[in-house]
Amino acid sequence: MKRHILLAGMLLAGMSAFAQTGYMKDIEVSGREVQRVGDEVRVTMNLDLSAVKMKQQHTTQLVPVLVSKDGTQEQVFPAIVVNGRIRNRAIRRQEALTGQPVYENVSTTVRRKNGEAQTVSYEATAPFARWMYDSRLEVREAVTGCAECSEGGETSTLDPLVLARFVPNYQVALQEPAPEPVKRRDEVRSARLQYRRASYKTEPGYGNNAKELADVQASLDAVKENRDLTITGIYITGYASPEGSVAYNMTLSERRAKTFTDYIKRQNSNIDASLWHVDWKGEDWEGLRREVEKHPGLLKQDEVLAIIDGCDGNQDECENQLKALVPPTIYERLLNEMYVPLRRNEYRIEYNVRNFSLEEAKQQVRTNPKLVSLNEMYQVAGSYGKGTAEYNEVMEIAARTYPDNPIALSNAAVTKISQKDAAGAIALLEGKRLDATAKNTLAVAYAETGAYDKAKSLFEEAVREGNADAKGNLEQLVKVMEQL
């Protein structure tokens, strides 16, 4: 007659009454492991029976059972059957007579040889189910005697969390920016001078010109008087608004740019004459579009924008279309409000910045970070030590100062990730032009926030672009996604 493996409820029912006859206390279990392998869960362990002194007429059935975290579900694995000497002989005789195994669902059957070293290696698999994550592995024992009567048993929990969820360890890398052989910088400003009708003469006392000219001089003085800076060029460009003919406005923008430059040069005779450069662009239709967009209350704004967008040829005709808009107050607003900012001279001061020592850079990074190269900022941050408040602050300053530099953004995002602020890292990088390292960093931030599809796509891009960290991170992400 077949003897079935005793399941969880039966084993536990008899455990307390017969625990003194169990053998589990003498069995040393090692190498225990529960792994998910594809669509299966695999249990492996080694059971050292060397200390077991088994009664000759006893059988112990050791049943591995995976129990869910909440205790409501189980997976029973094939048993290990250990027989005493006499019991083993009786079972073999019975199986020979019946042609049927005495016990079902058995992985291994051994005869215990008391006093001898004896180890049983165990491996079994079962279909994987998601409830198995964070489950515990038990080995339940049932001991029977010569007449198949229960002699007792016990339950041993071998590991409290034997099938924990895979926890990724994504890798992100800081990049050391290359030093700038020459630190080139510039300041771009607009001088919105007022001119008398059809005049191009620069008059300091007319309208608000005194303040505008003072601002221009202040910009030049700030560069001239800073001994860390060397002016390499001053570029002035004149613009006009669309009223009047295109030819007239081109000439007007030229004359206004030249007279403005001559005026500023006279005030700054100590600047080498070869550093001054003058250009003019005539009517500024791109600037007009920007100004119109700033006035959502403008009547027929969409129609005005359509005229501007379609003006890629005869600009005089476009101006006539704007004048013809009904009611006439539309053009009046354009002329009096939106044309005015277009009449300007833009100037750009280009200069080189000397290299700073570490201590100098520490001061400059907080007072005038634009003058500090990204490499110098990296050295400043490193001097404070990763993870310090000062280190984090400098990394954020670098990202603000160089908002289009992938290295500055990626390093700041790595710092955010180290602070458990993946959302902050995403805000820094999302929508920017990124190199492979920055893409890997953004992908890690996406993965940390659960945006796995975005993370996977970016990891794949970074892998194609040769980022070594992305390859390992992608493999880990796949394991995480398998657990969903």
Protein backbone atom coordinates (compact mmCIF):
# COMPACT_ATOMS: atom_id res chain seq x y z
CA MET A 1 0.00 0.00 0.00
CA LYS A 2 1.39 3.41 -0.96
CA ARG A 3 2.26 5.83 1.81
CA HIS A 4 1.78 9.46 0.86
CA ILE A 5 3.96 12.29 2.10
CA LEU A 6 2.33 13.91 5.11
CA LEU A 7 1.42 17.50 4.22
CA ALA A 8 1.67 20.67 6.26
CA GLY A 9 -1.44 20.38 8.41
CA MET A 10 -0.86 16.76 9.45
CA LEU A 11 2.79 17.40 10.26
CA LEU A 12 2.06 20.43 12.39
CA ALA A 13 -0.77 18.63 14.22
CA GLY A 14 1.54 15.92 15.47
CA MET A 15 4.62 18.03 15.97
CA SER A 16 4.04 19.24 19.53
CA ALA A 17 3.09 15.81 20.88
CA PHE A 18 6.00 13.91 19.36
CA ALA A 19 8.73 16.52 18.93
CA GLN A 20 11.03 14.49 21.19
CA THR A 21 11.36 11.78 18.52
CA GLY A 22 12.27 14.17 15.65
CA TYR A 23 15.68 14.14 14.04
CA MET A 24 15.77 17.70 12.58
CA LYS A 25 17.67 19.03 15.57
CA ASP A 26 20.60 16.79 14.64
CA ILE A 27 20.62 17.61 10.91
CA GLU A 28 22.92 20.40 9.77
CA VAL A 29 21.56 22.20 6.70
CA SER A 30 23.97 24.19 4.53
CA GLY A 31 24.12 25.66 1.04
CA ARG A 32 20.40 26.36 1.16
CA GLU A 33 19.18 28.55 -1.65
CA VAL A 34 15.89 29.43 -3.25
CA GLN A 35 16.12 31.03 -6.67
CA ARG A 36 13.82 32.01 -9.44
CA VAL A 37 15.09 30.48 -12.68
CA GLY A 38 12.90 31.61 -15.54
CA ASP A 39 9.40 30.30 -14.91
CA GLU A 40 10.50 27.98 -12.09
CA VAL A 41 11.59 28.29 -8.50
CA ARG A 42 14.51 26.09 -7.52
CA VAL A 43 15.37 24.86 -4.01
CA THR A 44 18.84 23.51 -3.25
CA MET A 45 20.46 22.51 0.04
CA ASN A 46 22.84 20.02 1.61
CA LEU A 47 21.71 18.00 4.63
CA ASP A 48 24.45 16.60 6.85
CA LEU A 49 23.10 13.54 8.65
CA SER A 50 26.38 12.68 10.40
CA ALA A 51 25.08 13.52 13.88
CA VAL A 52 21.78 11.65 13.45
CA LYS A 53 21.35 8.44 15.51
CA MET A 54 18.28 6.94 13.92
CA LYS A 55 16.31 4.10 15.44
CA GLN A 56 16.52 1.03 13.23
CA GLN A 57 12.74 0.80 12.73
CA HIS A 58 12.19 4.54 12.02
CA THR A 59 11.63 6.49 8.82
CA THR A 60 11.85 10.31 8.73
CA GLN A 61 10.36 12.21 5.82
CA LEU A 62 11.87 15.68 5.35
CA VAL A 63 9.52 17.81 3.24
CA PRO A 64 10.73 21.23 1.99
CA VAL A 65 7.82 23.69 1.85
CA LEU A 66 7.84 27.27 0.56
CA VAL A 67 5.38 29.37 2.59
CA SER A 68 4.09 32.79 1.48
CA LYS A 69 4.92 35.85 3.56
CA ASP A 70 1.37 36.02 4.91
CA GLY A 71 1.21 32.27 5.47
CA THR A 72 -1.80 31.71 3.21
CA GLN A 73 -0.09 29.82 0.36
CA GLU A 74 2.39 26.97 0.14
CA GLN A 75 4.43 25.04 -2.39
CA VAL A 76 5.38 21.50 -1.27
CA PHE A 77 8.53 20.02 -2.83
CA PRO A 78 9.53 16.35 -3.14
CA ALA A 79 10.70 14.84 0.14
CA ILE A 80 13.97 13.37 1.36
CA VAL A 81 13.28 10.02 3.03
CA VAL A 82 15.80 8.71 5.57
CA ASN A 83 15.31 5.13 6.83
CA GLY A 84 16.75 3.24 9.73
CA ARG A 85 18.45 -0.09 8.97
CA ILE A 86 15.51 -2.44 9.66
CA ARG A 87 12.92 -0.03 8.26
CA ASN A 88 14.90 0.38 5.06
CA ARG A 89 14.99 -3.41 4.54
CA ALA A 90 11.24 -3.71 5.17
CA ILE A 91 10.43 -0.94 2.64
CA ARG A 92 12.62 -2.49 -0.03
CA ARG A 93 10.94 -5.87 0.53
CA GLN A 94 7.46 -4.34 0.29
CA GLU A 95 8.30 -2.44 -2.89
CA ALA A 96 9.74 -5.59 -4.44
CA LEU A 97 6.54 -7.49 -3.67
CA THR A 98 4.10 -4.79 -4.86
CA GLY A 99 6.12 -3.17 -7.61
CA GLN A 100 5.00 0.20 -6.21
CA PRO A 101 6.93 2.78 -4.17
CA VAL A 102 5.90 3.05 -0.54
CA TYR A 103 6.16 6.86 -0.58
CA GLU A 104 5.10 9.23 -3.36
CA ASN A 105 6.66 12.57 -4.34
CA VAL A 106 10.09 11.60 -3.10
CA SER A 107 13.29 13.16 -4.39
CA THR A 108 15.84 11.04 -2.53
CA THR A 109 15.72 7.96 -0.28
CA VAL A 110 18.73 7.03 1.86
CA ARG A 111 19.50 4.54 4.61
CA ARG A 112 21.03 6.15 7.65
CA LYS A 113 24.25 4.47 8.74
CA ASN A 114 24.60 5.56 12.34
CA GLY A 115 28.08 6.66 13.33
CA GLU A 116 29.15 7.42 9.78
CA ALA A 117 29.49 10.74 7.97
CA GLN A 118 26.63 11.11 5.52
CA THR A 119 25.47 14.10 3.42
CA VAL A 120 22.46 14.34 1.12
CA SER A 121 22.46 16.94 -1.67
CA TYR A 122 18.98 18.15 -2.56
CA GLU A 123 17.61 20.01 -5.56
CA ALA A 124 14.00 20.39 -6.69
CA THR A 125 11.95 22.77 -8.80
CA ALA A 126 8.34 23.91 -9.02
CA PRO A 127 6.40 26.39 -11.17
CA PHE A 128 7.08 29.97 -10.09
CA ALA A 129 4.27 32.14 -8.70
CA ARG A 130 4.57 35.78 -7.68
CA TRP A 131 3.42 35.11 -4.13
CA MET A 132 6.73 33.32 -3.63
CA TYR A 133 8.62 36.59 -3.31
CA ASP A 134 9.58 37.21 0.32
CA SER A 135 8.45 33.70 1.19
CA ARG A 136 10.16 31.44 3.75
CA LEU A 137 11.50 27.94 3.34
CA GLU A 138 10.54 25.32 5.88
CA VAL A 139 11.55 21.69 6.17
CA ARG A 140 8.81 19.67 7.85
CA GLU A 141 9.60 16.32 9.37
CA ALA A 142 7.33 13.31 9.91
CA VAL A 143 8.69 10.25 11.73
CA THR A 144 7.00 6.85 11.44
CA GLY A 145 7.75 3.54 13.10
CA CYS A 146 7.57 -0.09 12.14
CA ALA A 147 3.78 -0.23 11.93
CA GLU A 148 3.47 3.04 10.05
CA CYS A 149 2.38 4.74 13.24
CA SER A 150 3.31 8.36 13.70
CA GLU A 151 6.24 8.86 16.04
CA GLY A 152 6.36 12.67 15.78
CA GLY A 153 8.32 15.32 13.90
CA GLU A 154 9.11 19.00 13.83
CA THR A 155 9.25 21.98 11.49
CA SER A 156 12.39 24.01 10.84
CA THR A 157 12.27 27.42 9.16
CA LEU A 158 15.55 27.71 7.36
CA ASP A 159 15.42 31.27 6.13
CA PRO A 160 12.97 34.08 6.92
CA LEU A 161 13.13 35.64 3.42
CA VAL A 162 14.54 33.01 1.14
CA LEU A 163 13.10 34.35 -2.11
CA ALA A 164 13.44 38.11 -1.72
CA ARG A 165 12.73 40.34 -4.65
CA PHE A 166 15.71 41.22 -6.80
CA VAL A 167 17.08 44.58 -5.66
CA PRO A 168 19.08 46.30 -8.40
CA ASN A 169 22.31 48.15 -7.80
CA TYR A 170 22.39 50.54 -10.73
CA GLN A 171 25.68 52.16 -11.60
CA VAL A 172 26.05 55.85 -12.45
CA ALA A 173 29.33 57.59 -13.13
CA LEU A 174 30.68 61.05 -12.53
CA GLN A 175 32.62 62.58 -15.41
CA GLU A 176 35.61 64.82 -14.95
CA PRO A 177 35.22 67.74 -17.39
CA ALA A 178 38.18 68.56 -19.59
CA PRO A 179 40.04 71.76 -18.65
CA GLU A 180 39.43 74.78 -20.88
CA PRO A 181 42.74 75.79 -22.51
CA VAL A 182 41.27 79.28 -22.85
CA LYS A 183 38.21 80.32 -20.87
CA ARG A 184 36.24 82.39 -23.37
CA ARG A 185 33.16 84.20 -22.12
CA ASP A 186 30.89 86.98 -23.30
CA GLU A 187 28.28 89.44 -22.12
CA VAL A 188 25.34 90.20 -24.44
CA ARG A 189 23.24 93.30 -23.85
CA SER A 190 20.85 95.60 -25.72
CA ALA A 191 21.01 99.39 -25.79
CA ARG A 192 17.56 100.75 -26.61
CA LEU A 193 18.43 104.34 -27.44
CA GLN A 194 15.80 106.84 -28.47
CA TYR A 195 16.32 108.79 -31.67
CA ARG A 196 14.59 111.81 -33.10
CA ARG A 197 12.46 111.01 -36.12
CA ALA A 198 14.61 109.92 -39.08
CA SER A 199 17.74 110.71 -37.04
CA TYR A 200 20.66 108.42 -36.29
CA LYS A 201 22.60 110.76 -34.01
CA THR A 202 23.37 109.40 -30.53
CA GLU A 203 22.10 112.03 -28.08
CA PRO A 204 22.83 111.31 -24.39
CA GLY A 205 20.37 113.96 -23.24
CA TYR A 206 17.41 112.75 -25.31
CA GLY A 207 14.68 110.65 -23.70
CA ASN A 208 16.02 107.81 -21.56
CA ASN A 209 19.37 107.66 -23.36
CA ALA A 210 21.46 108.74 -20.38
CA LYS A 211 20.47 105.64 -18.42
CA GLU A 212 20.91 103.32 -21.42
CA LEU A 213 24.38 104.68 -22.14
CA ALA A 214 25.32 104.46 -18.45
CA ASP A 215 24.31 100.78 -18.46
CA VAL A 216 26.51 100.17 -21.53
CA GLN A 217 29.45 101.86 -19.83
CA ALA A 218 28.87 99.88 -16.63
CA SER A 219 29.02 96.64 -18.61
CA LEU A 220 32.31 97.67 -20.20
CA ASP A 221 33.77 98.88 -16.91
CA ALA A 222 32.87 95.59 -15.19
CA VAL A 223 35.03 93.75 -17.71
CA LYS A 224 37.80 96.35 -18.05
CA GLU A 225 38.30 96.72 -14.32
CA ASN A 226 38.35 92.99 -13.55
CA ARG A 227 42.00 91.99 -13.63
CA ASP A 228 40.96 88.37 -14.15
CA LEU A 229 39.53 89.26 -17.58
CA THR A 230 41.01 90.29 -20.92
CA ILE A 231 38.74 91.82 -23.57
CA THR A 232 39.11 90.06 -26.94
CA GLY A 233 36.34 91.77 -28.92
CA ILE A 234 33.36 94.12 -28.76
CA TYR A 235 30.64 93.40 -31.32
CA ILE A 236 27.82 95.87 -31.98
CA THR A 237 24.82 95.07 -34.21
CA GLY A 238 22.14 97.56 -35.22
CA TYR A 239 18.45 96.70 -35.73
CA ALA A 240 15.43 98.65 -36.96
CA SER A 241 11.65 98.28 -36.73
CA PRO A 242 9.58 97.62 -39.91
CA GLU A 243 7.97 101.05 -40.47
CA GLY A 244 9.39 102.60 -43.65
CA SER A 245 11.04 100.77 -46.55
CA VAL A 246 13.42 97.84 -46.14
CA ALA A 247 16.23 99.76 -47.87
CA TYR A 248 15.73 102.81 -45.68
CA ASN A 249 15.70 100.74 -42.48
CA MET A 250 18.85 98.87 -43.48
CA THR A 251 20.66 102.18 -43.90
CA LEU A 252 19.16 103.52 -40.69
CA SER A 253 20.28 100.48 -38.66
CA GLU A 254 23.79 100.87 -40.16
CA ARG A 255 24.08 104.55 -39.29
CA ARG A 256 22.70 104.10 -35.79
CA ALA A 257 25.09 101.20 -35.11
CA LYS A 258 28.08 103.23 -36.35
CA THR A 259 27.24 106.42 -34.46
CA PHE A 260 26.55 104.40 -31.30
CA THR A 261 29.90 102.62 -31.66
CA ASP A 262 31.74 105.90 -32.27
CA TYR A 263 30.18 107.39 -29.15
CA ILE A 264 31.10 104.43 -26.93
CA LYS A 265 34.62 104.24 -28.40
CA ARG A 266 35.25 107.89 -27.47
CA GLN A 267 34.31 107.11 -23.88
CA ASN A 268 36.65 104.09 -23.87
CA SER A 269 39.72 105.29 -25.74
CA ASN A 270 41.88 102.89 -23.72
CA ILE A 271 40.36 99.90 -25.56
CA ASP A 272 42.35 98.86 -28.64
CA ALA A 273 40.55 100.11 -31.77
CA SER A 274 41.03 96.71 -33.45
CA LEU A 275 38.69 95.10 -30.90
CA TRP A 276 35.61 97.02 -32.10
CA HIS A 277 33.35 95.36 -34.69
CA VAL A 278 30.17 96.85 -36.17
CA ASP A 279 27.33 95.12 -38.06
CA TRP A 280 23.68 95.91 -38.93
CA LYS A 281 20.64 93.80 -39.81
CA GLY A 282 17.88 96.24 -40.80
CA GLU A 283 14.31 95.24 -39.91
CA ASP A 284 13.97 92.64 -37.15
CA TRP A 285 10.94 90.51 -38.06
CA GLU A 286 11.95 87.65 -35.76
CA GLY A 287 12.06 90.11 -32.90
CA LEU A 288 8.65 91.45 -33.94
CA ARG A 289 7.14 87.98 -33.67
CA ARG A 290 8.52 87.59 -30.14
CA GLU A 291 7.07 90.97 -29.14
CA VAL A 292 3.63 90.14 -30.58
CA GLU A 293 3.58 86.84 -28.65
CA LYS A 294 4.12 88.86 -25.46
CA HIS A 295 0.80 90.66 -26.09
CA PRO A 296 -1.96 87.99 -26.06
CA GLY A 297 -4.55 90.76 -25.74
CA LEU A 298 -3.68 92.18 -29.16
CA LEU A 299 -6.74 92.14 -31.40
CA LYS A 300 -6.40 89.58 -34.22
CA GLN A 301 -3.09 88.38 -32.79
CA ASP A 302 -3.26 85.12 -34.80
CA GLU A 303 -3.73 87.05 -38.04
CA VAL A 304 -0.81 89.32 -37.21
CA LEU A 305 1.42 86.31 -36.50
CA ALA A 306 0.32 84.67 -39.75
CA ILE A 307 1.41 87.76 -41.71
CA ILE A 308 4.78 87.78 -39.93
CA ASP A 309 5.33 84.04 -40.47
CA GLY A 310 4.51 84.37 -44.17
CA CYS A 311 6.91 87.25 -44.63
CA ASP A 312 9.89 85.56 -46.21
CA GLY A 313 10.10 87.72 -49.31
CA ASN A 314 8.83 91.27 -49.82
CA GLN A 315 8.92 92.75 -46.32
CA ASP A 316 7.56 96.08 -47.51
CA GLU A 317 4.41 94.28 -48.68
CA CYS A 318 4.17 92.54 -45.31
CA GLU A 319 4.33 95.93 -43.61
CA ASN A 320 1.48 97.12 -45.86
CA GLN A 321 -0.60 94.07 -44.82
CA LEU A 322 -0.13 94.98 -41.18
CA LYS A 323 -1.14 98.58 -41.89
CA ALA A 324 -4.28 97.36 -43.69
CA LEU A 325 -5.59 95.39 -40.71
CA VAL A 326 -9.01 96.47 -39.46
CA PRO A 327 -9.52 98.20 -37.14
CA PRO A 328 -6.55 100.56 -37.55
CA THR A 329 -5.88 100.41 -33.81
CA ILE A 330 -4.13 97.07 -34.41
CA TYR A 331 -1.34 98.72 -36.38
CA GLU A 332 -1.25 101.65 -33.96
CA ARG A 333 -0.51 99.24 -31.11
CA LEU A 334 2.17 97.52 -33.17
CA LEU A 335 3.80 100.86 -33.99
CA ASN A 336 3.62 102.33 -30.49
CA GLU A 337 4.21 99.22 -28.34
CA MET A 338 5.80 96.37 -30.28
CA TYR A 339 7.99 98.20 -32.78
CA VAL A 340 9.77 100.26 -30.12
CA PRO A 341 11.89 97.44 -28.60
CA LEU A 342 13.10 96.50 -32.10
CA ARG A 343 14.95 99.79 -32.55
CA ARG A 344 18.12 98.90 -30.75
CA ASN A 345 21.81 98.20 -30.83
CA GLU A 346 22.91 94.87 -29.39
CA TYR A 347 26.44 94.63 -28.09
CA ARG A 348 28.49 91.63 -27.09
CA ILE A 349 31.67 91.90 -25.06
CA GLU A 350 33.94 88.89 -25.53
CA TYR A 351 36.74 88.25 -23.07
CA ASN A 352 39.09 85.59 -21.77
CA VAL A 353 39.25 84.59 -18.10
CA ARG A 354 42.47 83.58 -16.41
CA ASN A 355 42.65 80.19 -14.69
CA PHE A 356 42.03 80.16 -10.94
CA SER A 357 43.73 78.37 -8.11
CA LEU A 358 41.55 76.06 -6.01
CA GLU A 359 41.08 78.65 -3.29
CA GLU A 360 40.29 81.37 -5.82
CA ALA A 361 37.80 79.10 -7.56
CA LYS A 362 36.10 78.38 -4.23
CA GLN A 363 35.40 82.09 -3.88
CA GLN A 364 34.43 82.72 -7.50
CA VAL A 365 32.05 79.75 -7.74
CA ARG A 366 29.70 81.49 -5.30
CA THR A 367 30.21 85.10 -6.39
CA ASN A 368 30.68 84.89 -10.18
CA PRO A 369 30.36 81.25 -11.26
CA LYS A 370 30.33 82.13 -14.96
CA LEU A 371 34.06 82.86 -14.71
CA VAL A 372 34.81 79.41 -13.28
CA SER A 373 35.30 76.59 -15.76
CA LEU A 374 33.38 73.36 -15.34
CA ASN A 375 36.65 71.56 -14.60
CA GLU A 376 37.48 74.08 -11.88
CA MET A 377 34.03 73.58 -10.37
CA TYR A 378 34.58 69.81 -10.40
CA GLN A 379 37.86 70.28 -8.51
CA VAL A 380 36.18 72.60 -6.01
CA ALA A 381 33.38 70.11 -5.37
CA GLY A 382 35.87 67.26 -4.96
CA SER A 383 37.84 69.23 -2.40
CA TYR A 384 34.82 69.18 -0.08
CA GLY A 385 34.25 65.43 -0.39
CA LYS A 386 31.36 63.56 -1.98
CA GLY A 387 28.12 63.69 -0.07
CA THR A 388 28.89 66.89 1.83
CA ALA A 389 26.50 69.82 1.65
CA GLU A 390 29.21 71.93 -0.03
CA TYR A 391 29.85 69.26 -2.66
CA ASN A 392 26.15 69.04 -3.49
CA GLU A 393 25.86 72.83 -3.65
CA VAL A 394 28.74 73.20 -6.14
CA MET A 395 27.31 70.47 -8.36
CA GLU A 396 24.00 72.35 -8.48
CA ILE A 397 25.78 75.62 -9.25
CA ALA A 398 27.60 73.91 -12.12
CA ALA A 399 24.29 72.70 -13.59
CA ARG A 400 22.75 76.18 -13.32
CA THR A 401 25.81 77.86 -14.82
CA TYR A 402 26.15 75.39 -17.70
CA PRO A 403 22.53 74.34 -18.35
CA ASP A 404 23.30 72.89 -21.79
CA ASN A 405 26.41 70.93 -20.84
CA PRO A 406 25.71 67.17 -20.59
CA ILE A 407 28.58 66.60 -18.16
CA ALA A 408 27.45 69.35 -15.77
CA LEU A 409 23.87 68.10 -15.89
CA SER A 410 24.79 64.42 -15.52
CA ASN A 411 27.11 65.04 -12.56
CA ALA A 412 24.44 67.10 -10.81
CA ALA A 413 21.87 64.36 -11.53
CA VAL A 414 24.21 61.69 -10.11
CA THR A 415 24.39 63.82 -6.96
CA LYS A 416 20.59 63.97 -6.83
CA ILE A 417 20.35 60.19 -7.19
CA SER A 418 22.82 59.74 -4.33
CA GLN A 419 20.47 61.88 -2.24
CA LYS A 420 17.53 59.61 -3.16
CA ASP A 421 16.06 62.41 -5.27
CA ALA A 422 15.47 60.64 -8.58
CA ALA A 423 12.72 63.11 -9.50
CA GLY A 424 15.22 65.95 -9.13
CA ALA A 425 17.64 64.12 -11.41
CA ILE A 426 14.91 63.72 -14.04
CA ALA A 427 14.10 67.44 -13.85
CA LEU A 428 17.74 68.24 -14.61
CA LEU A 429 18.12 65.91 -17.58
CA GLU A 430 14.73 65.43 -19.22
CA GLY A 431 14.40 67.20 -22.56
CA LYS A 432 18.12 68.05 -22.81
CA ARG A 433 20.71 66.92 -25.35
CA LEU A 434 22.60 64.17 -23.54
CA ASP A 435 25.68 62.07 -24.13
CA ALA A 436 25.73 58.32 -23.43
CA THR A 437 26.75 58.76 -19.78
CA ALA A 438 24.00 61.29 -19.13
CA LYS A 439 21.48 59.00 -20.84
CA ASN A 440 22.51 56.20 -18.50
CA THR A 441 22.08 58.55 -15.53
CA LEU A 442 18.61 59.61 -16.67
CA ALA A 443 17.66 55.97 -17.27
CA VAL A 444 18.66 55.11 -13.69
CA ALA A 445 16.52 58.00 -12.42
CA TYR A 446 13.56 56.73 -14.48
CA ALA A 447 14.09 53.21 -13.13
CA GLU A 448 14.19 54.49 -9.55
CA THR A 449 10.82 56.19 -10.05
CA GLY A 450 9.23 53.13 -11.68
CA ALA A 451 9.22 54.50 -15.26
CA TYR A 452 10.64 51.21 -16.49
CA ASP A 453 9.77 51.53 -20.19
CA LYS A 454 11.49 54.92 -20.43
CA ALA A 455 14.46 53.56 -18.50
CA LYS A 456 14.77 50.52 -20.76
CA SER A 457 14.68 52.61 -23.93
CA LEU A 458 17.38 54.97 -22.64
CA PHE A 459 19.58 52.14 -21.36
CA GLU A 460 19.42 50.57 -24.81
CA GLU A 461 20.41 53.88 -26.43
CA ALA A 462 23.32 54.29 -24.02
CA VAL A 463 24.47 50.71 -24.71
CA ARG A 464 24.46 51.37 -28.46
CA GLU A 465 26.53 54.48 -27.82
CA GLY A 466 29.12 52.48 -25.89
CA ASN A 467 28.32 53.18 -22.24
CA ALA A 468 29.62 50.26 -20.17
CA ASP A 469 27.46 50.93 -17.09
CA ALA A 470 24.28 50.92 -19.18
CA LYS A 471 24.80 47.29 -20.25
CA GLY A 472 24.83 46.00 -16.67
CA ASN A 473 22.05 48.35 -15.65
CA LEU A 474 19.86 47.11 -18.50
CA GLU A 475 20.37 43.50 -17.38
CA GLN A 476 19.32 44.45 -13.85
CA LEU A 477 16.29 46.37 -15.09
CA VAL A 478 15.12 43.32 -17.05
CA LYS A 479 15.22 41.30 -13.81
CA VAL A 480 13.23 43.98 -12.01
CA MET A 481 10.63 44.07 -14.80
CA GLU A 482 10.30 40.26 -14.65
CA GLN A 483 9.05 40.67 -11.09
CA LEU A 484 6.17 42.95 -12.06
